[in-house]
Amino acid sequence: MAHLGLQHDMPRIPANQIAAFPDIVHVDLEERIPMPGGTHRSTAPRDLAADPDLWPHAPLPGNPQAQVVQALARALEREMGLQGLSLRQLGLRSGINRQVITNLLRGESWPDVVTVSRLEDGLGVPLWPGATSRASAVAGVT
């Protein structure tokens, strides 16, 4: 049975009961809206580049999300170089597996928020394009 939840802490409404709430929820079960992630994330960011071999400096026209990942990879590469950190050292500082860091640097994965935030904390600098503070500092966590 399909369930739709509005928030993780709200009760789920079975799809066959949604009609009982016409003023609250409108769902067209036949409509398919492309969502972030899903099959779009099955293609690595680097494979969306005009020349994947030039990652993270290859042009990525018309793909702003891959451009964000590319900017993250460039910032990560730059900071690791400036701080003289190996993958192992950054992994120990951040709590992020070395393979995850490698995949981000190579453009082979779509990093999640936790990964980016932990890398920022491990490096002590923001990585997100245009950010002036680490995400956890802005959120008041550290």
Foldseek 3Di string as FASTA:
>chain_A
DDWDDPDPPDDIDHPVCVVVPVVPDDDDPVDDDDDPDDPVQVDFLLNQFPHSVPPLVGDRPPDVLSVQLSQLLVLLVVLCVVVVHDLVLLCVLQVDDSVVNVCSNSRNGRDDPSVQLSSCRSSVAHRGPPDHHRPCVVVVND
